[in-house]
Structures are given as C-alpha cells and as structure tokens.
C-alpha atoms as a PDB file:
ATOM      1  CA  MET A   1      -4.931   6.068  -8.495  1.00  0.00           C
ATOM      2  CA  LYS A   2      -5.864   6.963  -4.897  1.00  0.00           C
ATOM      3  CA  MET A   3      -3.522   8.246  -1.936  1.00  0.00           C
ATOM      4  CA  ILE A   4      -5.157   7.796   1.666  1.00  0.00           C
ATOM      5  CA  THR A   5      -3.190   9.108   4.972  1.00  0.00           C
ATOM      6  CA  SER A   6      -5.715   8.210   6.966  1.00  0.00           C
ATOM      7  CA  PHE A   7      -6.601   4.478   8.256  1.00  0.00           C
ATOM      8  CA  GLU A   8     -10.966   5.203   8.587  1.00  0.00           C
ATOM      9  CA  GLU A   9     -10.648   5.901   4.520  1.00  0.00           C
ATOM     10  CA  VAL A  10      -9.598   2.746   4.079  1.00  0.00           C
ATOM     11  CA  ASN A  11     -13.444   1.688   3.881  1.00  0.00           C
ATOM     12  CA  GLU A  12     -13.671   4.397   1.029  1.00  0.00           C
ATOM     13  CA  LEU A  13     -11.159   2.377  -1.070  1.00  0.00           C
ATOM     14  CA  PRO A  14     -13.120   0.934  -4.586  1.00  0.00           C
ATOM     15  CA  ILE A  15     -11.977  -2.494  -3.639  1.00  0.00           C
ATOM     16  CA  PRO A  16     -13.988  -5.721  -2.917  1.00  0.00           C
ATOM     17  CA  GLU A  17     -14.696  -5.561   0.280  1.00  0.00           C
ATOM     18  CA  LYS A  18     -13.136  -8.883   1.081  1.00  0.00           C
ATOM     19  CA  VAL A  19      -9.457  -7.524   0.306  1.00  0.00           C
ATOM     20  CA  LYS A  20     -11.017  -4.993   2.121  1.00  0.00           C
ATOM     21  CA  HIS A  21     -11.230  -6.578   4.819  1.00  0.00           C
ATOM     22  CA  ALA A  22      -7.854  -8.627   4.185  1.00  0.00           C
ATOM     23  CA  LEU A  23      -6.657  -4.993   4.152  1.00  0.00           C
ATOM     24  CA  ARG A  24      -7.651  -3.829   7.361  1.00  0.00           C
ATOM     25  CA  THR A  25      -6.872  -6.841   9.266  1.00  0.00           C
ATOM     26  CA  GLU A  26      -3.084  -6.697   8.126  1.00  0.00           C
ATOM     27  CA  LEU A  27      -2.753  -3.045   8.750  1.00  0.00           C
ATOM     28  CA  MET A  28      -3.947  -3.092  12.143  1.00  0.00           C
ATOM     29  CA  LEU A  29      -2.047  -6.601  12.851  1.00  0.00           C
ATOM     30  CA  PRO A  30       1.104  -4.653  14.246  1.00  0.00           C
ATOM     31  CA  PHE A  31      -0.841  -3.216  16.965  1.00  0.00           C
ATOM     32  CA  ASP A  32      -3.283  -5.941  18.704  1.00  0.00           C
ATOM     33  CA  SER A  33      -5.833  -4.380  16.061  1.00  0.00           C
ATOM     34  CA  SER A  34      -6.664  -1.599  17.583  1.00  0.00           C
ATOM     35  CA  GLU A  35      -8.087   0.361  15.308  1.00  0.00           C
ATOM     36  CA  SER A  36      -7.642   3.628  17.507  1.00  0.00           C
ATOM     37  CA  ILE A  37      -4.036   2.570  17.750  1.00  0.00           C
ATOM     38  CA  VAL A  38      -3.988   2.598  13.848  1.00  0.00           C
ATOM     39  CA  SER A  39      -4.684   5.769  13.424  1.00  0.00           C
ATOM     40  CA  ALA A  40      -3.419   7.756  16.103  1.00  0.00           C
ATOM     41  CA  PHE A  41      -0.035   6.030  13.988  1.00  0.00           C
ATOM     42  CA  TRP A  42      -1.064   7.162  10.985  1.00  0.00           C
ATOM     43  CA  LYS A  43      -1.898  10.842  11.884  1.00  0.00           C
ATOM     44  CA  GLU A  44       1.436  10.982  14.288  1.00  0.00           C
ATOM     45  CA  LEU A  45       4.285   9.087  11.411  1.00  0.00           C
ATOM     46  CA  GLY A  46       2.367  10.642   8.440  1.00  0.00           C
ATOM     47  CA  CYS A  47       1.562   7.369   7.217  1.00  0.00           C
ATOM     48  CA  ALA A  48      -0.522   6.633   3.528  1.00  0.00           C
ATOM     49  CA  LEU A  49      -1.803   4.469   1.306  1.00  0.00           C
ATOM     50  CA  LEU A  50      -1.412   4.234  -2.856  1.00  0.00           C
ATOM     51  CA  CYS A  51      -3.751   2.217  -4.102  1.00  0.00           C
ATOM     52  CA  LEU A  52      -3.700   1.701  -8.164  1.00  0.00           C
ATOM     53  CA  GLU A  53      -6.313   1.422 -10.338  1.00  0.00           C
ATOM     54  CA  ASP A  54      -6.608  -0.816 -13.202  1.00  0.00           C
ATOM     55  CA  SER A  55      -6.760   2.160 -14.664  1.00  0.00           C
ATOM     56  CA  ASP A  56      -3.240   3.739 -13.610  1.00  0.00           C
ATOM     57  CA  SER A  57      -0.414   3.165 -16.403  1.00  0.00           C
ATOM     58  CA  GLU A  58       3.332   3.556 -15.580  1.00  0.00           C
ATOM     59  CA  ALA A  59       3.616   6.856 -17.505  1.00  0.00           C
ATOM     60  CA  SER A  60       0.818   8.222 -15.561  1.00  0.00           C
ATOM     61  CA  LEU A  61       2.274   6.836 -12.260  1.00  0.00           C
ATOM     62  CA  LEU A  62       6.207   8.340 -13.044  1.00  0.00           C
ATOM     63  CA  LYS A  63       4.960  11.907 -14.451  1.00  0.00           C
ATOM     64  CA  GLU A  64       4.754  13.309 -11.229  1.00  0.00           C
ATOM     65  CA  GLN A  65       8.650  13.484  -9.522  1.00  0.00           C
ATOM     66  CA  PRO A  66       7.425  12.607  -5.573  1.00  0.00           C
ATOM     67  CA  LEU A  67       5.157   9.957  -6.305  1.00  0.00           C
ATOM     68  CA  ALA A  68       8.356   8.608  -9.349  1.00  0.00           C
ATOM     69  CA  ASP A  69      10.330   8.766  -6.487  1.00  0.00           C
ATOM     70  CA  GLN A  70       7.829   7.284  -3.144  1.00  0.00           C
ATOM     71  CA  LEU A  71       7.458   5.452  -6.028  1.00  0.00           C
ATOM     72  CA  HIS A  72      10.731   3.431  -6.526  1.00  0.00           C
ATOM     73  CA  ALA A  73      11.397   3.202  -2.358  1.00  0.00           C
ATOM     74  CA  LEU A  74       8.623   1.346  -2.356  1.00  0.00           C
ATOM     75  CA  VAL A  75      10.023  -1.914  -5.450  1.00  0.00           C
ATOM     76  CA  HIS A  76      13.121  -0.978  -4.194  1.00  0.00           C
ATOM     77  CA  TYR A  77      13.085  -1.504  -0.630  1.00  0.00           C
ATOM     78  CA  PRO A  78      10.255  -2.838  -0.040  1.00  0.00           C
ATOM     79  CA  GLU A  79      10.042  -4.226   4.427  1.00  0.00           C
ATOM     80  CA  TRP A  80       7.701  -6.635   3.178  1.00  0.00           C
ATOM     81  CA  VAL A  81       5.127  -7.809   0.342  1.00  0.00           C
ATOM     82  CA  ILE A  82       2.042  -9.616   0.506  1.00  0.00           C
ATOM     83  CA  SER A  83      -0.674 -11.016  -1.532  1.00  0.00           C
ATOM     84  CA  LEU A  84      -4.471 -10.217  -0.374  1.00  0.00           C
ATOM     85  CA  GLN A  85      -7.227 -12.093  -1.492  1.00  0.00           C
ATOM     86  CA  ASP A  86      -4.521 -13.951  -4.259  1.00  0.00           C
ATOM     87  CA  ILE A  87      -5.829 -10.943  -6.363  1.00  0.00           C
ATOM     88  CA  TYR A  88      -4.106  -7.593  -5.025  1.00  0.00           C
ATOM     89  CA  LEU A  89      -0.534  -7.162  -3.361  1.00  0.00           C
ATOM     90  CA  LEU A  90       0.505  -4.842  -0.810  1.00  0.00           C
ATOM     91  CA  ALA A  91       3.241  -3.770  -0.487  1.00  0.00           C
ATOM     92  CA  LEU A  92       4.878  -1.833   1.947  1.00  0.00           C
ATOM     93  CA  THR A  93       8.565   0.309   2.689  1.00  0.00           C
ATOM     94  CA  ILE A  94       9.559   2.834   6.101  1.00  0.00           C
ATOM     95  CA  THR A  95       9.585   6.262   5.535  1.00  0.00           C
ATOM     96  CA  ASN A  96      10.787   8.187   8.367  1.00  0.00           C
ATOM     97  CA  ASP A  97      12.962   6.876  11.211  1.00  0.00           C
ATOM     98  CA  GLU A  98       9.913   6.872  13.319  1.00  0.00           C
ATOM     99  CA  GLY A  99       8.322   4.019  11.665  1.00  0.00           C
ATOM    100  CA  GLY A 100       5.994   5.558   9.496  1.00  0.00           C
ATOM    101  CA  GLY A 101       6.018   3.822   6.275  1.00  0.00           C
ATOM    102  CA  LEU A 102       4.051   4.395   2.214  1.00  0.00           C
ATOM    103  CA  TYR A 103       2.370   1.189   1.385  1.00  0.00           C
ATOM    104  CA  LEU A 104       1.071   0.528  -2.283  1.00  0.00           C
ATOM    105  CA  LEU A 105      -2.623  -1.550  -2.451  1.00  0.00           C
ATOM    106  CA  ALA A 106      -2.984  -3.109  -6.469  1.00  0.00           C
ATOM    107  CA  PRO A 107      -3.829  -5.679  -8.420  1.00  0.00           C
ATOM    108  CA  LEU A 108      -1.615  -8.281  -8.700  1.00  0.00           C
ATOM    109  CA  ASP A 109      -2.701  -8.231 -12.459  1.00  0.00           C
ATOM    110  CA  LEU A 110      -1.842  -4.968 -13.291  1.00  0.00           C
ATOM    111  CA  PRO A 111       0.472  -4.957 -15.899  1.00  0.00           C
ATOM    112  CA  LEU A 112       3.306  -3.017 -14.804  1.00  0.00           C
ATOM    113  CA  PRO A 113       6.706  -4.088 -14.519  1.00  0.00           C
ATOM    114  CA  PHE A 114       7.685  -2.353 -11.306  1.00  0.00           C
ATOM    115  CA  ILE A 115       4.137  -4.476 -10.307  1.00  0.00           C
ATOM    116  CA  ASN A 116       5.858  -7.931 -11.197  1.00  0.00           C
ATOM    117  CA  GLN A 117       8.948  -7.131 -10.445  1.00  0.00           C
ATOM    118  CA  LEU A 118       7.280  -7.168  -6.653  1.00  0.00           C
ATOM    119  CA  LYS A 119       5.142  -9.985  -6.963  1.00  0.00           C
ATOM    120  CA  ARG A 120       8.021 -12.194  -7.051  1.00  0.00           C
ATOM    121  CA  SER A 121       8.853 -10.407  -3.533  1.00  0.00           C
ATOM    122  CA  ILE A 122       5.936 -11.711  -2.148  1.00  0.00           C
ATOM    123  CA  LYS A 123       5.399 -14.023   0.756  1.00  0.00           C
ATOM    124  CA  ASN A 124       3.268 -16.380   1.718  1.00  0.00           C
END
C-alpha cells in the first residue's frame, strides 16, 4: 500500500506506465488537463490517493482505524468507480464539503472482498 498526498507523486507509483498515463489523465479531467491546477487543488483541499498492491491483505489494511474508516467510505459511498486499462480500478469518495477527496487505485484482480464490491460499481 502506498498513500500519496500530492499529484506529482503519481509518477512514483509502482504501476504500469499505461495505467499511470490513464490515471493522470483521469485525475486531470475536471481541471481542463492542467497539472498546476490539479496540484494546487490537491494541496489546498487535502486530496490523497491510496494505491493498493498485490501484497496487501484485508487484515493489514483494516488494522489501522483511520485507514479502515477511509476504506469504508470508499466502498459504501463512492462518488464513482471506473476501470483503468481493464487492469486497475479507480474509485473516489468526497471527504470534505470543499470537494477534497480520497482516491483508491487497486488491481482489478486483487482478491479482497471490498475490491469485488467496488468492481460491481464500475461505470463503463
């Protein structure tokens, strides 16, 4: 698991380049594809992205209470859920009244119950 809190850190995620490109594109869509606006928005409103990896287990993710609460919000109240390159899932939940949010990025084949639940919400 890797938690990033700035848009620039997307480049450091341990994911395939084609997924990284699709992720950057998706994250910039609401901001007319402007990296500087996205970066400022993330910084000002406290946006974050949680990237799950193959080695993550449900027990390890749910043992930390703040993280467990965030995952609960993502699974039960997603703003949207999409597939990236048919190999990753990207979900968003809004975390504050100003529009800040928490994104979840995870391999579609990650064998976790909440990932399976989110997969049923994917919008094509």
